[in-house]
Amino acid sequence: MKKNQEKVAFLLADGYEDSEMKNPYEAITRNGNAAVIIGLEKEAELRGKKGTIAYTTHLSIDEANPDDYRAVVIPGGQSPEKLMENEAVLDFLRDANEKGITISAICHGPLLLSKAGLAQGRHFTSYAGVAEEIAKEGGVYSDKPVVVDDNLITSRGPDDESYFIEETIRKLGVSAY
């Protein structure tokens, strides 16, 4: 890893929204950061819900340590719902949040934050169809392209990716993409 290069974890399972993985991943690596894909299993090939891309996990969640990362990105689609039943994923997010690590979640991604108990009293945005569920867990919803609440960054969906990426990269302290 190069000097000043930050490691960014991508929490991923099958069925993610293709562009919500591809575009942040490419922007973060283009800025010289290391992207590490963490899934339920190591070296698993995961496909986007539209079938336009596939990524292979670098680590399983059981091998991952939040201390190794400057940020965590959670793409939307069906991936967050598949990850939210895994206690190691939830513990990873709780630990990252406690340490103030940036956590960026888009579309259905904030559901995972809610399941980890991180929504209470926090401002967020998400895919409109899941906003009520997160609000039931104490989250304060705003219908905006991006919401930043301390270390949490959330966005509504693919149309807001540029805002999502810009805020995530800004938190990393590197130039805009």
N, C-alpha and C. Protein backbone atom coordinates (compact mmCIF):
# COMPACT_ATOMS: atom_id res chain seq x y z
N MET A 1 0.83 -1.17 0.00
CA MET A 1 0.00 0.00 0.00
C MET A 1 0.88 1.25 0.00
N LYS A 2 0.53 2.22 -0.85
CA LYS A 2 1.29 3.45 -0.97
C LYS A 2 1.13 4.30 0.28
N LYS A 3 2.10 5.16 0.50
CA LYS A 3 2.00 6.10 1.61
C LYS A 3 0.76 6.96 1.41
N ASN A 4 0.03 7.25 2.49
CA ASN A 4 -1.19 8.05 2.49
C ASN A 4 -2.37 7.35 1.81
N GLN A 5 -2.19 6.13 1.36
CA GLN A 5 -3.31 5.41 0.76
C GLN A 5 -4.20 4.88 1.87
N GLU A 6 -5.49 5.14 1.74
CA GLU A 6 -6.46 4.69 2.73
C GLU A 6 -7.14 3.41 2.25
N LYS A 7 -7.45 2.51 3.18
CA LYS A 7 -8.19 1.31 2.85
C LYS A 7 -9.67 1.55 3.09
N VAL A 8 -10.47 1.17 2.11
CA VAL A 8 -11.92 1.34 2.19
C VAL A 8 -12.56 -0.03 2.03
N ALA A 9 -13.39 -0.40 3.00
CA ALA A 9 -14.10 -1.69 2.96
C ALA A 9 -15.42 -1.52 2.21
N PHE A 10 -15.71 -2.46 1.35
CA PHE A 10 -17.02 -2.53 0.68
C PHE A 10 -17.71 -3.78 1.20
N LEU A 11 -18.83 -3.62 1.90
CA LEU A 11 -19.59 -4.76 2.41
C LEU A 11 -20.55 -5.18 1.31
N LEU A 12 -20.45 -6.45 0.88
CA LEU A 12 -21.15 -6.86 -0.33
C LEU A 12 -21.67 -8.29 -0.27
N ALA A 13 -22.85 -8.48 -0.87
CA ALA A 13 -23.45 -9.80 -1.10
C ALA A 13 -24.08 -9.76 -2.48
N ASP A 14 -24.47 -10.92 -2.99
CA ASP A 14 -25.12 -10.98 -4.30
C ASP A 14 -26.34 -10.07 -4.37
N GLY A 15 -26.59 -9.56 -5.58
CA GLY A 15 -27.79 -8.78 -5.82
C GLY A 15 -27.64 -7.30 -5.52
N TYR A 16 -26.40 -6.80 -5.37
CA TYR A 16 -26.19 -5.38 -5.15
C TYR A 16 -26.60 -4.60 -6.40
N GLU A 17 -26.90 -3.32 -6.20
CA GLU A 17 -27.20 -2.43 -7.32
C GLU A 17 -25.88 -2.18 -8.05
N ASP A 18 -25.81 -2.58 -9.31
CA ASP A 18 -24.56 -2.57 -10.07
C ASP A 18 -23.81 -1.24 -9.99
N SER A 19 -24.47 -0.14 -10.33
CA SER A 19 -23.80 1.16 -10.37
C SER A 19 -23.40 1.64 -8.98
N GLU A 20 -24.15 1.25 -7.95
CA GLU A 20 -23.84 1.70 -6.60
C GLU A 20 -22.61 1.01 -6.03
N MET A 21 -22.17 -0.06 -6.65
CA MET A 21 -20.90 -0.69 -6.31
C MET A 21 -19.80 -0.18 -7.25
N LYS A 22 -20.07 -0.27 -8.53
CA LYS A 22 -19.06 0.05 -9.55
C LYS A 22 -18.56 1.49 -9.45
N ASN A 23 -19.46 2.45 -9.40
CA ASN A 23 -19.04 3.85 -9.44
C ASN A 23 -18.27 4.30 -8.20
N PRO A 24 -18.73 4.00 -6.99
CA PRO A 24 -17.90 4.36 -5.82
C PRO A 24 -16.57 3.60 -5.79
N TYR A 25 -16.60 2.33 -6.15
CA TYR A 25 -15.37 1.52 -6.17
C TYR A 25 -14.34 2.14 -7.10
N GLU A 26 -14.77 2.47 -8.31
CA GLU A 26 -13.84 3.06 -9.28
C GLU A 26 -13.35 4.43 -8.84
N ALA A 27 -14.23 5.25 -8.28
CA ALA A 27 -13.82 6.58 -7.83
C ALA A 27 -12.81 6.49 -6.68
N ILE A 28 -13.04 5.59 -5.76
CA ILE A 28 -12.16 5.45 -4.61
C ILE A 28 -10.79 4.91 -5.04
N THR A 29 -10.76 3.94 -5.93
CA THR A 29 -9.47 3.41 -6.38
C THR A 29 -8.76 4.41 -7.30
N ARG A 30 -9.52 5.16 -8.08
CA ARG A 30 -8.94 6.19 -8.96
C ARG A 30 -8.23 7.26 -8.13
N ASN A 31 -8.70 7.49 -6.92
CA ASN A 31 -8.08 8.46 -6.04
C ASN A 31 -6.91 7.88 -5.25
N GLY A 32 -6.49 6.66 -5.60
CA GLY A 32 -5.32 6.07 -4.99
C GLY A 32 -5.56 5.30 -3.70
N ASN A 33 -6.81 5.04 -3.39
CA ASN A 33 -7.13 4.28 -2.19
C ASN A 33 -7.29 2.80 -2.52
N ALA A 34 -7.14 1.98 -1.51
CA ALA A 34 -7.29 0.53 -1.69
C ALA A 34 -8.71 0.12 -1.31
N ALA A 35 -9.42 -0.52 -2.22
CA ALA A 35 -10.77 -1.00 -1.97
C ALA A 35 -10.70 -2.49 -1.64
N VAL A 36 -11.28 -2.87 -0.52
CA VAL A 36 -11.28 -4.26 -0.07
C VAL A 36 -12.73 -4.72 0.01
N ILE A 37 -13.06 -5.75 -0.76
CA ILE A 37 -14.43 -6.25 -0.78
C ILE A 37 -14.57 -7.35 0.27
N ILE A 38 -15.50 -7.12 1.18
CA ILE A 38 -15.75 -8.04 2.30
C ILE A 38 -17.14 -8.62 2.13
N GLY A 39 -17.22 -9.94 2.15
CA GLY A 39 -18.50 -10.62 2.02
C GLY A 39 -18.67 -11.66 3.11
N LEU A 40 -19.67 -12.48 2.95
CA LEU A 40 -19.91 -13.54 3.93
C LEU A 40 -18.88 -14.64 3.81
N GLU A 41 -18.31 -14.80 2.60
CA GLU A 41 -17.27 -15.80 2.36
C GLU A 41 -16.12 -15.15 1.58
N LYS A 42 -14.91 -15.63 1.81
CA LYS A 42 -13.73 -15.16 1.09
C LYS A 42 -13.72 -15.77 -0.32
N GLU A 43 -13.27 -14.98 -1.29
CA GLU A 43 -13.10 -15.41 -2.69
C GLU A 43 -14.41 -15.88 -3.33
N ALA A 44 -15.51 -15.30 -2.90
CA ALA A 44 -16.80 -15.61 -3.50
C ALA A 44 -17.07 -14.61 -4.63
N GLU A 45 -17.55 -15.10 -5.76
CA GLU A 45 -17.92 -14.20 -6.84
C GLU A 45 -19.34 -13.72 -6.61
N LEU A 46 -19.50 -12.40 -6.56
CA LEU A 46 -20.79 -11.78 -6.29
C LEU A 46 -21.22 -10.98 -7.52
N ARG A 47 -22.46 -11.16 -7.92
CA ARG A 47 -23.00 -10.50 -9.11
C ARG A 47 -24.01 -9.43 -8.74
N GLY A 48 -23.98 -8.36 -9.53
CA GLY A 48 -24.96 -7.30 -9.36
C GLY A 48 -26.33 -7.76 -9.82
N LYS A 49 -27.37 -7.10 -9.37
CA LYS A 49 -28.73 -7.53 -9.70
C LYS A 49 -29.07 -7.36 -11.17
N LYS A 50 -28.38 -6.45 -11.85
CA LYS A 50 -28.61 -6.27 -13.28
C LYS A 50 -27.70 -7.16 -14.12
N GLY A 51 -26.75 -7.81 -13.47
CA GLY A 51 -25.87 -8.74 -14.16
C GLY A 51 -24.79 -8.10 -15.02
N THR A 52 -24.55 -6.79 -14.84
CA THR A 52 -23.56 -6.12 -15.68
C THR A 52 -22.14 -6.25 -15.14
N ILE A 53 -22.01 -6.59 -13.85
CA ILE A 53 -20.68 -6.70 -13.24
C ILE A 53 -20.66 -7.81 -12.20
N ALA A 54 -19.45 -8.23 -11.88
CA ALA A 54 -19.23 -9.19 -10.80
C ALA A 54 -17.93 -8.82 -10.10
N TYR A 55 -17.90 -9.03 -8.81
CA TYR A 55 -16.70 -8.80 -8.01
C TYR A 55 -16.44 -10.03 -7.18
N THR A 56 -15.17 -10.25 -6.86
CA THR A 56 -14.79 -11.37 -6.00
C THR A 56 -14.35 -10.80 -4.65
N THR A 57 -14.87 -11.36 -3.59
CA THR A 57 -14.52 -10.87 -2.26
C THR A 57 -13.05 -11.14 -1.95
N HIS A 58 -12.46 -10.21 -1.24
CA HIS A 58 -11.07 -10.36 -0.78
C HIS A 58 -11.02 -11.07 0.57
N LEU A 59 -12.02 -10.76 1.41
CA LEU A 59 -12.06 -11.31 2.77
C LEU A 59 -13.48 -11.74 3.12
N SER A 60 -13.56 -12.65 4.07
CA SER A 60 -14.87 -12.93 4.67
C SER A 60 -15.04 -11.97 5.84
N ILE A 61 -16.26 -11.72 6.24
CA ILE A 61 -16.52 -10.82 7.36
C ILE A 61 -15.84 -11.32 8.62
N ASP A 62 -15.67 -12.62 8.76
CA ASP A 62 -15.01 -13.19 9.94
C ASP A 62 -13.53 -12.85 10.01
N GLU A 63 -12.93 -12.50 8.86
CA GLU A 63 -11.51 -12.13 8.82
C GLU A 63 -11.29 -10.63 8.92
N ALA A 64 -12.35 -9.86 8.77
CA ALA A 64 -12.23 -8.41 8.67
C ALA A 64 -12.20 -7.73 10.04
N ASN A 65 -11.38 -6.69 10.13
CA ASN A 65 -11.24 -5.89 11.34
C ASN A 65 -11.48 -4.43 10.98
N PRO A 66 -12.47 -3.77 11.57
CA PRO A 66 -12.75 -2.38 11.21
C PRO A 66 -11.56 -1.44 11.41
N ASP A 67 -10.65 -1.78 12.33
CA ASP A 67 -9.48 -0.94 12.57
C ASP A 67 -8.60 -0.80 11.33
N ASP A 68 -8.74 -1.70 10.38
CA ASP A 68 -7.92 -1.67 9.17
C ASP A 68 -8.42 -0.70 8.12
N TYR A 69 -9.58 -0.06 8.35
CA TYR A 69 -10.22 0.73 7.31
C TYR A 69 -10.51 2.16 7.75
N ARG A 70 -10.41 3.04 6.80
CA ARG A 70 -10.73 4.46 7.02
C ARG A 70 -12.21 4.71 6.75
N ALA A 71 -12.81 3.88 5.90
CA ALA A 71 -14.23 4.04 5.56
C ALA A 71 -14.81 2.68 5.20
N VAL A 72 -16.15 2.61 5.29
CA VAL A 72 -16.91 1.43 4.90
C VAL A 72 -18.00 1.90 3.95
N VAL A 73 -18.14 1.22 2.81
CA VAL A 73 -19.17 1.56 1.83
C VAL A 73 -20.15 0.39 1.74
N ILE A 74 -21.45 0.73 1.76
CA ILE A 74 -22.50 -0.28 1.67
C ILE A 74 -23.37 0.04 0.45
N PRO A 75 -23.14 -0.64 -0.69
CA PRO A 75 -24.01 -0.45 -1.85
C PRO A 75 -25.41 -0.99 -1.56
N GLY A 76 -26.39 -0.49 -2.30
CA GLY A 76 -27.76 -0.91 -2.11
C GLY A 76 -28.14 -2.12 -2.93
N GLY A 77 -29.38 -2.17 -3.33
CA GLY A 77 -29.92 -3.34 -4.00
C GLY A 77 -30.35 -4.37 -2.96
N GLN A 78 -30.21 -5.65 -3.30
CA GLN A 78 -30.60 -6.73 -2.40
C GLN A 78 -29.49 -7.13 -1.43
N SER A 79 -28.29 -6.66 -1.68
CA SER A 79 -27.13 -7.01 -0.86
C SER A 79 -27.31 -6.71 0.63
N PRO A 80 -27.76 -5.50 1.02
CA PRO A 80 -27.89 -5.23 2.47
C PRO A 80 -28.82 -6.19 3.19
N GLU A 81 -29.91 -6.57 2.55
CA GLU A 81 -30.85 -7.50 3.21
C GLU A 81 -30.21 -8.87 3.42
N LYS A 82 -29.31 -9.26 2.53
CA LYS A 82 -28.62 -10.55 2.68
C LYS A 82 -27.55 -10.48 3.78
N LEU A 83 -26.99 -9.29 3.98
CA LEU A 83 -25.94 -9.12 4.99
C LEU A 83 -26.50 -8.91 6.39
N MET A 84 -27.72 -8.38 6.50
CA MET A 84 -28.22 -7.93 7.79
C MET A 84 -28.57 -9.05 8.77
N GLU A 85 -28.61 -10.28 8.32
CA GLU A 85 -28.88 -11.39 9.23
C GLU A 85 -27.60 -12.00 9.79
N ASN A 86 -26.45 -11.45 9.39
CA ASN A 86 -25.16 -11.97 9.84
C ASN A 86 -24.65 -11.11 11.00
N GLU A 87 -24.55 -11.69 12.16
CA GLU A 87 -24.15 -10.93 13.36
C GLU A 87 -22.75 -10.36 13.23
N ALA A 88 -21.84 -11.03 12.53
CA ALA A 88 -20.48 -10.51 12.36
C ALA A 88 -20.49 -9.22 11.55
N VAL A 89 -21.37 -9.12 10.55
CA VAL A 89 -21.50 -7.89 9.77
C VAL A 89 -21.99 -6.76 10.67
N LEU A 90 -23.01 -7.06 11.47
CA LEU A 90 -23.56 -6.04 12.37
C LEU A 90 -22.53 -5.60 13.40
N ASP A 91 -21.77 -6.53 13.95
CA ASP A 91 -20.71 -6.20 14.91
C ASP A 91 -19.63 -5.34 14.25
N PHE A 92 -19.26 -5.68 13.02
CA PHE A 92 -18.27 -4.91 12.27
C PHE A 92 -18.73 -3.45 12.16
N LEU A 93 -20.00 -3.25 11.79
CA LEU A 93 -20.54 -1.89 11.65
C LEU A 93 -20.62 -1.16 12.99
N ARG A 94 -21.04 -1.86 14.02
CA ARG A 94 -21.11 -1.23 15.36
C ARG A 94 -19.72 -0.78 15.81
N ASP A 95 -18.74 -1.64 15.61
CA ASP A 95 -17.37 -1.33 16.01
C ASP A 95 -16.83 -0.16 15.19
N ALA A 96 -17.07 -0.18 13.88
CA ALA A 96 -16.61 0.92 13.02
C ALA A 96 -17.25 2.23 13.45
N ASN A 97 -18.53 2.21 13.74
CA ASN A 97 -19.23 3.42 14.16
C ASN A 97 -18.69 3.93 15.49
N GLU A 98 -18.47 3.04 16.42
CA GLU A 98 -17.94 3.42 17.73
C GLU A 98 -16.58 4.10 17.60
N LYS A 99 -15.81 3.68 16.62
CA LYS A 99 -14.47 4.25 16.40
C LYS A 99 -14.51 5.50 15.52
N GLY A 100 -15.71 5.89 15.05
CA GLY A 100 -15.83 7.08 14.23
C GLY A 100 -15.42 6.90 12.78
N ILE A 101 -15.31 5.66 12.35
CA ILE A 101 -14.95 5.37 10.95
C ILE A 101 -16.12 5.78 10.06
N THR A 102 -15.82 6.41 8.94
CA THR A 102 -16.85 6.81 8.00
C THR A 102 -17.58 5.58 7.47
N ILE A 103 -18.92 5.63 7.51
CA ILE A 103 -19.74 4.56 6.96
C ILE A 103 -20.68 5.21 5.95
N SER A 104 -20.56 4.83 4.69
CA SER A 104 -21.37 5.37 3.61
C SER A 104 -22.32 4.29 3.10
N ALA A 105 -23.62 4.59 3.14
CA ALA A 105 -24.64 3.61 2.73
C ALA A 105 -25.61 4.28 1.77
N ILE A 106 -25.90 3.59 0.67
CA ILE A 106 -26.78 4.16 -0.35
C ILE A 106 -27.96 3.22 -0.62
N CYS A 107 -29.10 3.81 -0.97
CA CYS A 107 -30.29 3.09 -1.39
C CYS A 107 -30.85 2.22 -0.25
N HIS A 108 -30.73 0.91 -0.33
CA HIS A 108 -31.16 0.00 0.73
C HIS A 108 -30.08 -0.18 1.80
N GLY A 109 -28.89 0.35 1.57
CA GLY A 109 -27.78 0.23 2.52
C GLY A 109 -28.08 0.71 3.92
N PRO A 110 -28.82 1.84 4.07
CA PRO A 110 -29.14 2.28 5.43
C PRO A 110 -29.95 1.28 6.25
N LEU A 111 -30.62 0.33 5.59
CA LEU A 111 -31.31 -0.74 6.33
C LEU A 111 -30.31 -1.50 7.21
N LEU A 112 -29.13 -1.72 6.66
CA LEU A 112 -28.09 -2.44 7.39
C LEU A 112 -27.65 -1.64 8.62
N LEU A 113 -27.56 -0.32 8.47
CA LEU A 113 -27.21 0.53 9.61
C LEU A 113 -28.30 0.44 10.68
N SER A 114 -29.54 0.44 10.24
CA SER A 114 -30.67 0.34 11.15
C SER A 114 -30.64 -0.98 11.91
N LYS A 115 -30.41 -2.08 11.20
CA LYS A 115 -30.36 -3.41 11.82
C LYS A 115 -29.24 -3.50 12.85
N ALA A 116 -28.15 -2.74 12.61
CA ALA A 116 -27.02 -2.73 13.54
C ALA A 116 -27.28 -1.80 14.73
N GLY A 117 -28.43 -1.14 14.74
CA GLY A 117 -28.77 -0.25 15.85
C GLY A 117 -28.15 1.13 15.73
N LEU A 118 -27.76 1.53 14.53
CA LEU A 118 -27.07 2.80 14.36
C LEU A 118 -27.97 3.93 13.87
N ALA A 119 -29.27 3.67 13.73
CA ALA A 119 -30.18 4.69 13.21
C ALA A 119 -30.71 5.63 14.30
N GLN A 120 -30.79 5.17 15.51
CA GLN A 120 -31.41 5.91 16.61
C GLN A 120 -30.86 7.34 16.71
N GLY A 121 -31.75 8.32 16.47
CA GLY A 121 -31.39 9.72 16.60
C GLY A 121 -30.51 10.27 15.50
N ARG A 122 -30.21 9.46 14.49
CA ARG A 122 -29.31 9.90 13.41
C ARG A 122 -30.13 10.34 12.20
N HIS A 123 -29.61 11.34 11.50
CA HIS A 123 -30.23 11.83 10.27
C HIS A 123 -29.74 10.99 9.11
N PHE A 124 -30.66 10.64 8.20
CA PHE A 124 -30.32 9.78 7.07
C PHE A 124 -31.24 10.05 5.89
N THR A 125 -30.85 9.51 4.75
CA THR A 125 -31.72 9.38 3.60
C THR A 125 -31.51 7.98 3.06
N SER A 126 -32.43 7.54 2.21
CA SER A 126 -32.36 6.18 1.67
C SER A 126 -33.35 6.07 0.53
N TYR A 127 -33.41 4.89 -0.06
CA TYR A 127 -34.47 4.57 -1.00
C TYR A 127 -35.78 4.80 -0.24
N ALA A 128 -36.71 5.51 -0.86
CA ALA A 128 -37.95 5.90 -0.18
C ALA A 128 -38.71 4.70 0.39
N GLY A 129 -38.65 3.57 -0.29
CA GLY A 129 -39.39 2.38 0.13
C GLY A 129 -38.94 1.78 1.44
N VAL A 130 -37.77 2.15 1.94
CA VAL A 130 -37.30 1.60 3.22
C VAL A 130 -37.18 2.67 4.30
N ALA A 131 -37.46 3.92 3.95
CA ALA A 131 -37.29 5.02 4.90
C ALA A 131 -38.15 4.84 6.15
N GLU A 132 -39.39 4.40 5.98
CA GLU A 132 -40.28 4.23 7.13
C GLU A 132 -39.75 3.17 8.09
N GLU A 133 -39.21 2.10 7.53
CA GLU A 133 -38.66 1.03 8.37
C GLU A 133 -37.49 1.55 9.22
N ILE A 134 -36.63 2.37 8.61
CA ILE A 134 -35.49 2.92 9.34
C ILE A 134 -35.97 3.95 10.37
N ALA A 135 -36.96 4.73 10.00
CA ALA A 135 -37.51 5.73 10.94
C ALA A 135 -38.11 5.05 12.17
N LYS A 136 -38.67 3.86 12.01
CA LYS A 136 -39.21 3.11 13.16
C LYS A 136 -38.12 2.76 14.16
N GLU A 137 -36.88 2.69 13.68
CA GLU A 137 -35.74 2.40 14.55
C GLU A 137 -35.11 3.68 15.10
N GLY A 138 -35.80 4.82 14.89
CA GLY A 138 -35.34 6.07 15.48
C GLY A 138 -34.58 6.98 14.56
N GLY A 139 -34.43 6.62 13.28
CA GLY A 139 -33.74 7.48 12.33
C GLY A 139 -34.61 8.66 11.92
N VAL A 140 -33.98 9.77 11.58
CA VAL A 140 -34.67 10.98 11.16
C VAL A 140 -34.45 11.14 9.66
N TYR A 141 -35.50 10.91 8.87
CA TYR A 141 -35.40 10.87 7.41
C TYR A 141 -35.49 12.25 6.78
N SER A 142 -34.67 12.48 5.77
CA SER A 142 -34.74 13.66 4.90
C SER A 142 -34.68 13.18 3.46
N ASP A 143 -35.55 13.71 2.62
CA ASP A 143 -35.57 13.36 1.20
C ASP A 143 -34.59 14.27 0.46
N LYS A 144 -33.31 13.95 0.58
CA LYS A 144 -32.22 14.73 -0.03
C LYS A 144 -31.28 13.78 -0.75
N PRO A 145 -30.50 14.29 -1.70
CA PRO A 145 -29.55 13.42 -2.42
C PRO A 145 -28.51 12.77 -1.52
N VAL A 146 -28.07 13.50 -0.49
CA VAL A 146 -27.08 12.96 0.44
C VAL A 146 -27.30 13.62 1.79
N VAL A 147 -27.12 12.83 2.85
CA VAL A 147 -27.19 13.33 4.22
C VAL A 147 -25.93 12.88 4.93
N VAL A 148 -25.25 13.83 5.57
CA VAL A 148 -24.07 13.52 6.36
C VAL A 148 -24.41 13.80 7.81
N ASP A 149 -24.28 12.79 8.65
CA ASP A 149 -24.51 12.92 10.09
C ASP A 149 -23.27 12.37 10.78
N ASP A 150 -22.35 13.26 11.10
CA ASP A 150 -21.07 12.90 11.71
C ASP A 150 -20.33 11.92 10.79
N ASN A 151 -20.18 10.66 11.20
CA ASN A 151 -19.43 9.70 10.39
C ASN A 151 -20.30 8.91 9.42
N LEU A 152 -21.63 9.13 9.44
CA LEU A 152 -22.53 8.41 8.54
C LEU A 152 -22.88 9.26 7.32
N ILE A 153 -22.76 8.66 6.15
CA ILE A 153 -23.14 9.30 4.89
C ILE A 153 -24.17 8.39 4.24
N THR A 154 -25.33 8.96 3.89
CA THR A 154 -26.37 8.16 3.24
C THR A 154 -26.90 8.88 2.01
N SER A 155 -27.35 8.10 1.03
CA SER A 155 -27.94 8.63 -0.19
C SER A 155 -29.13 7.78 -0.60
N ARG A 156 -29.98 8.36 -1.48
CA ARG A 156 -31.23 7.71 -1.87
C ARG A 156 -31.07 6.59 -2.89
N GLY A 157 -30.20 6.76 -3.89
CA GLY A 157 -30.10 5.74 -4.92
C GLY A 157 -29.20 6.15 -6.07
N PRO A 158 -29.27 5.42 -7.19
CA PRO A 158 -28.35 5.65 -8.31
C PRO A 158 -28.29 7.10 -8.81
N ASP A 159 -29.41 7.81 -8.81
CA ASP A 159 -29.40 9.19 -9.29
C ASP A 159 -28.57 10.12 -8.41
N ASP A 160 -28.30 9.69 -7.19
CA ASP A 160 -27.56 10.52 -6.23
C ASP A 160 -26.11 10.07 -6.03
N GLU A 161 -25.66 9.14 -6.87
CA GLU A 161 -24.31 8.58 -6.68
C GLU A 161 -23.21 9.64 -6.68
N SER A 162 -23.31 10.65 -7.53
CA SER A 162 -22.23 11.65 -7.58
C SER A 162 -22.09 12.36 -6.23
N TYR A 163 -23.21 12.68 -5.58
CA TYR A 163 -23.16 13.33 -4.26
C TYR A 163 -22.59 12.36 -3.21
N PHE A 164 -23.04 11.14 -3.28
CA PHE A 164 -22.60 10.07 -2.36
C PHE A 164 -21.09 9.87 -2.45
N ILE A 165 -20.61 9.75 -3.67
CA ILE A 165 -19.18 9.54 -3.89
C ILE A 165 -18.38 10.76 -3.44
N GLU A 166 -18.85 11.94 -3.80
CA GLU A 166 -18.14 13.17 -3.43
C GLU A 166 -17.99 13.29 -1.91
N GLU A 167 -19.05 13.05 -1.17
CA GLU A 167 -18.99 13.15 0.30
C GLU A 167 -18.10 12.07 0.90
N THR A 168 -18.16 10.87 0.35
CA THR A 168 -17.31 9.78 0.86
C THR A 168 -15.85 10.11 0.64
N ILE A 169 -15.52 10.57 -0.54
CA ILE A 169 -14.13 10.93 -0.84
C ILE A 169 -13.68 12.13 -0.01
N ARG A 170 -14.58 13.07 0.18
CA ARG A 170 -14.24 14.24 1.03
C ARG A 170 -13.88 13.78 2.44
N LYS A 171 -14.64 12.83 2.98
CA LYS A 171 -14.34 12.31 4.32
C LYS A 171 -12.98 11.60 4.37
N LEU A 172 -12.58 11.06 3.23
CA LEU A 172 -11.26 10.41 3.18
C LEU A 172 -10.14 11.44 3.13
N GLY A 173 -10.51 12.71 2.84
CA GLY A 173 -9.52 13.77 2.81
C GLY A 173 -8.68 13.80 1.55
N VAL A 174 -9.24 13.32 0.45
CA VAL A 174 -8.53 13.35 -0.83
C VAL A 174 -9.31 14.21 -1.81
N SER A 175 -8.68 14.51 -2.93
CA SER A 175 -9.30 15.39 -3.92
C SER A 175 -10.58 14.76 -4.47
N ALA A 176 -11.48 15.62 -4.91
CA ALA A 176 -12.72 15.15 -5.52
C ALA A 176 -12.42 14.35 -6.78
N TYR A 177 -13.30 13.44 -7.09
CA TYR A 177 -13.09 12.60 -8.25
C TYR A 177 -13.45 13.35 -9.49
